[in-house]
Protein backbone atom coordinates (compact mmCIF):
# COMPACT_ATOMS: atom_id res chain seq x y z
CA MET A 1 0.69 -70.03 -26.45
CA LEU A 2 2.67 -66.80 -25.84
CA PRO A 3 1.51 -64.47 -22.99
CA GLU A 4 -0.45 -61.45 -24.08
CA PRO A 5 1.74 -58.25 -23.94
CA LYS A 6 0.83 -55.49 -21.46
CA LEU A 7 -0.22 -52.46 -23.47
CA ARG A 8 -0.93 -50.08 -20.57
CA PRO A 9 0.21 -49.53 -16.95
CA SER A 10 -1.71 -51.07 -14.10
CA LEU A 11 -4.81 -49.21 -12.99
CA ALA A 12 -3.47 -49.01 -9.43
CA ALA A 13 -0.53 -46.82 -10.51
CA THR A 14 -2.70 -44.30 -12.38
CA PRO A 15 -4.46 -42.69 -9.37
CA ALA A 16 -1.16 -42.37 -7.47
CA LEU A 17 0.46 -40.66 -10.43
CA HIS A 18 -2.52 -38.31 -10.78
CA GLU A 19 -2.38 -37.38 -7.07
CA ARG A 20 1.33 -36.61 -7.24
CA ALA A 21 0.79 -34.45 -10.33
CA MET A 22 -2.00 -32.52 -8.61
CA GLU A 23 0.14 -31.97 -5.51
CA ASN A 24 2.98 -30.64 -7.65
CA LEU A 25 0.64 -28.28 -9.50
CA ARG A 26 -0.81 -27.02 -6.21
CA PHE A 27 2.67 -26.38 -4.84
CA ILE A 28 3.72 -24.50 -7.99
CA ARG A 29 0.55 -22.37 -7.94
CA GLU A 30 0.95 -21.43 -4.25
CA THR A 31 4.63 -20.63 -4.76
CA MET A 32 3.84 -18.36 -7.70
CA GLU A 33 1.12 -16.57 -5.73
CA ARG A 34 3.47 -15.92 -2.81
CA SER A 35 6.31 -14.78 -5.05
CA GLY A 36 4.06 -12.50 -7.12
CA SER A 37 2.49 -10.51 -4.26
CA PHE A 38 4.05 -8.04 -1.89
CA THR A 39 2.46 -8.97 1.42
CA ALA A 40 4.65 -6.80 3.66
CA VAL A 41 2.38 -3.75 3.50
CA PRO A 42 2.56 -2.42 7.08
CA GLY A 43 -0.61 -2.76 9.13
CA TRP A 44 0.32 -1.53 12.58
CA GLY A 45 2.93 0.72 10.97
CA GLY A 46 0.19 2.20 8.80
CA ALA A 47 -2.01 2.74 11.84
CA ALA A 48 0.90 4.53 13.54
CA MET A 49 1.24 6.73 10.44
CA GLY A 50 -2.41 7.65 10.83
CA ALA A 51 -1.97 8.52 14.50
CA THR A 52 0.92 10.89 13.78
CA ALA A 53 -1.12 12.46 10.95
CA LEU A 54 -3.89 13.30 13.41
CA GLY A 55 -1.29 15.02 15.58
CA ALA A 56 0.04 16.88 12.55
CA ALA A 57 -3.47 18.02 11.63
CA TYR A 58 -3.92 19.41 15.13
CA LEU A 59 -0.63 21.32 14.97
CA ALA A 60 -1.10 22.50 11.38
CA ALA A 61 -4.52 23.94 12.17
CA ARG A 62 -2.85 26.27 14.68
CA GLU A 63 -0.21 27.59 12.30
CA PRO A 64 -0.87 31.25 11.44
CA THR A 65 0.86 31.10 8.05
CA THR A 66 0.65 28.85 5.00
CA ALA A 67 4.40 28.29 5.15
CA GLY A 68 4.11 27.04 8.74
CA TRP A 69 1.20 24.79 7.80
CA LEU A 70 3.21 23.33 4.95
CA ARG A 71 6.25 22.74 7.20
CA VAL A 72 4.15 20.75 9.67
CA TRP A 73 2.87 18.45 6.94
CA ALA A 74 6.32 18.14 5.36
CA VAL A 75 7.70 16.91 8.69
CA GLU A 76 4.74 14.55 9.03
CA ALA A 77 5.49 13.13 5.56
CA LEU A 78 9.03 12.28 6.68
CA VAL A 79 7.78 10.74 9.93
CA ALA A 80 5.21 8.68 8.02
CA LEU A 81 7.88 7.52 5.58
CA ALA A 82 10.06 6.36 8.47
CA LEU A 83 7.17 4.55 10.15
CA GLY A 84 6.16 2.89 6.89
CA ALA A 85 9.72 1.73 6.23
CA TRP A 86 9.95 0.35 9.78
CA GLY A 87 6.66 -1.51 9.35
CA VAL A 88 7.73 -3.05 6.04
CA ARG A 89 11.09 -4.10 7.43
CA HIS A 90 9.46 -5.67 10.48
CA LYS A 91 7.05 -7.74 8.35
CA LEU A 92 9.78 -8.79 5.92
CA ARG A 93 11.99 -9.99 8.76
CA ALA A 94 9.11 -11.85 10.39
CA ALA A 95 8.33 -13.61 7.10
CA ARG A 96 12.04 -14.17 6.35
CA THR A 97 11.58 -12.51 2.98
CA PRO A 98 14.46 -10.62 1.33
CA ALA A 99 13.92 -6.86 1.08
CA LEU A 100 15.02 -6.83 -2.57
CA SER A 101 12.65 -9.57 -3.73
CA GLY A 102 10.83 -9.20 -7.03
CA PRO A 103 7.45 -8.25 -5.53
CA ALA A 104 9.09 -5.68 -3.22
CA GLN A 105 10.92 -4.05 -6.12
CA ARG A 106 7.73 -3.89 -8.20
CA PHE A 107 5.81 -2.40 -5.27
CA VAL A 108 8.38 0.35 -4.68
CA SER A 109 8.86 1.10 -8.39
CA SER A 110 5.09 1.60 -8.72
CA PHE A 111 4.67 3.62 -5.52
CA ALA A 112 7.61 6.02 -5.92
CA PRO A 113 6.84 7.80 -9.26
CA PRO A 114 3.41 9.18 -8.24
CA MET A 115 4.88 10.37 -4.94
CA LEU A 116 7.75 12.12 -6.73
CA ALA A 117 5.25 13.76 -9.09
CA GLY A 118 3.27 14.93 -6.06
CA ALA A 119 6.35 16.50 -4.50
CA LEU A 120 7.18 18.40 -7.69
CA LEU A 121 3.59 19.59 -8.11
CA THR A 122 3.57 20.74 -4.48
CA ALA A 123 6.62 22.94 -5.05
CA ALA A 124 5.16 24.42 -8.24
CA LEU A 125 1.73 25.10 -6.73
CA TYR A 126 3.24 26.65 -3.60
CA GLN A 127 5.31 29.05 -5.71
CA ALA A 128 2.20 29.94 -7.73
CA GLY A 129 0.20 30.57 -4.56
CA TRP A 130 -2.34 27.80 -5.23
CA THR A 131 -1.97 26.15 -1.84
CA ARG A 132 -5.72 25.64 -1.39
CA VAL A 133 -5.58 22.65 -3.77
CA LEU A 134 -2.73 20.91 -1.91
CA PRO A 135 -4.86 18.76 0.46
CA GLY A 136 -6.90 17.37 -2.42
CA LEU A 137 -3.81 16.90 -4.55
CA TRP A 138 -1.93 15.05 -1.80
CA LEU A 139 -4.84 12.71 -1.10
CA LEU A 140 -5.28 12.01 -4.82
CA ILE A 141 -1.59 11.41 -5.46
CA TYR A 142 -1.25 9.13 -2.44
CA GLY A 143 -4.32 7.22 -3.56
CA VAL A 144 -2.88 6.76 -7.05
CA ALA A 145 0.43 5.55 -5.59
CA VAL A 146 -1.34 3.06 -3.33
CA ILE A 147 -3.51 1.73 -6.19
CA THR A 148 -0.64 1.28 -8.64
CA ALA A 149 1.59 -0.36 -6.03
CA GLY A 150 -1.36 -2.33 -4.70
CA ALA A 151 -1.57 -4.19 -8.00
CA PHE A 152 1.37 -6.22 -6.64
CA SER A 153 -0.04 -6.61 -3.14
CA VAL A 154 -3.07 -7.92 -1.26
CA LYS A 155 -6.54 -6.93 -2.47
CA ILE A 156 -7.32 -4.51 0.37
CA VAL A 157 -4.48 -2.17 -0.66
CA PRO A 158 -6.02 -0.93 -3.96
CA VAL A 159 -9.32 -0.50 -2.12
CA MET A 160 -7.56 1.80 0.33
CA GLY A 161 -6.08 3.77 -2.55
CA GLY A 162 -9.51 4.20 -4.10
CA CYS A 163 -10.86 5.62 -0.83
CA PHE A 164 -8.02 8.14 -0.72
CA MET A 165 -8.70 9.19 -4.31
CA ALA A 166 -12.41 9.65 -3.63
CA LEU A 167 -11.67 11.79 -0.58
CA GLY A 168 -9.12 13.81 -2.54
CA ALA A 169 -11.61 14.46 -5.34
CA VAL A 170 -14.11 15.86 -2.84
CA ALA A 171 -11.40 17.95 -1.16
CA LEU A 172 -10.41 19.58 -4.45
CA PHE A 173 -13.85 21.13 -4.87
CA SER A 174 -14.51 21.99 -1.22
CA PRO A 175 -13.86 25.29 0.59
CA ALA A 176 -10.21 25.96 1.36
CA GLY A 177 -10.89 26.06 5.10
CA TRP A 178 -11.85 22.39 5.05
CA GLY A 179 -8.47 21.24 3.74
CA ASN A 180 -6.93 20.39 7.08
CA GLY A 181 -10.02 18.40 8.02
CA PHE A 182 -9.73 16.35 4.85
CA MET A 183 -6.06 15.72 5.63
CA ALA A 184 -6.98 14.46 9.10
CA SER A 185 -9.76 12.28 7.68
CA GLY A 186 -7.55 10.73 5.01
CA PHE A 187 -4.01 10.49 6.30
CA GLY A 188 -5.32 10.08 9.83
CA GLY A 189 -8.66 8.27 9.84
CA LEU A 190 -8.46 6.18 6.66
CA GLN A 191 -4.86 5.23 7.34
CA ILE A 192 -5.71 3.99 10.84
CA ILE A 193 -8.77 2.03 9.69
CA PHE A 194 -7.03 0.26 6.83
CA GLY A 195 -3.87 -0.22 8.90
CA ILE A 196 -5.85 -2.15 11.51
CA ILE A 197 -7.62 -4.20 8.82
CA ILE A 198 -4.31 -5.11 7.18
CA ALA A 199 -2.70 -5.93 10.52
CA ARG A 200 -5.50 -8.30 11.52
CA ARG A 201 -5.96 -10.01 8.17
CA TYR A 202 -2.39 -10.15 6.94
CA GLY A 203 -0.27 -10.40 10.06
CA GLY A 204 1.02 -7.13 11.49
């Protein structure tokens, strides 16, 4: 009598094959999550940006002219940009992640357009003499930039952007004399708080 042919693999091989498949799927999912998110948002660098903004608010409040007030905040914007770039570079180097990775490019390409629009609106509003709306506008624009770029980053980043937008909306309809206080609260206080949260939860 001929031996009965084997129609299916042994039951012992099936669980091992299933485990290997699950491990491969887990590795692919984790790799895609890491490659799809920009995790180098500066925490301590963001907190440092907030600290310099508090100093700028103190100096700007003592400027006798609108032009002087605007110059102080323009210098602060450049300082904050430098600190932010330093923080991003530090985190990228620590994680051994290339600066021109896909997530980094998407983050920058989403963050830059709102900021450019804010700069152009600032120039137009200053020429028109509508400087009272600048604090609210800056907070709103920065919030929009953070939210759009935060779509490619960790979850706390869009939350931070939403807080900036809410503060900017209130600033737009508040007395002009409160503008510098809103700037200190947003670019100073909020930036420090969220910078510390990001540093502690997401490594620096």
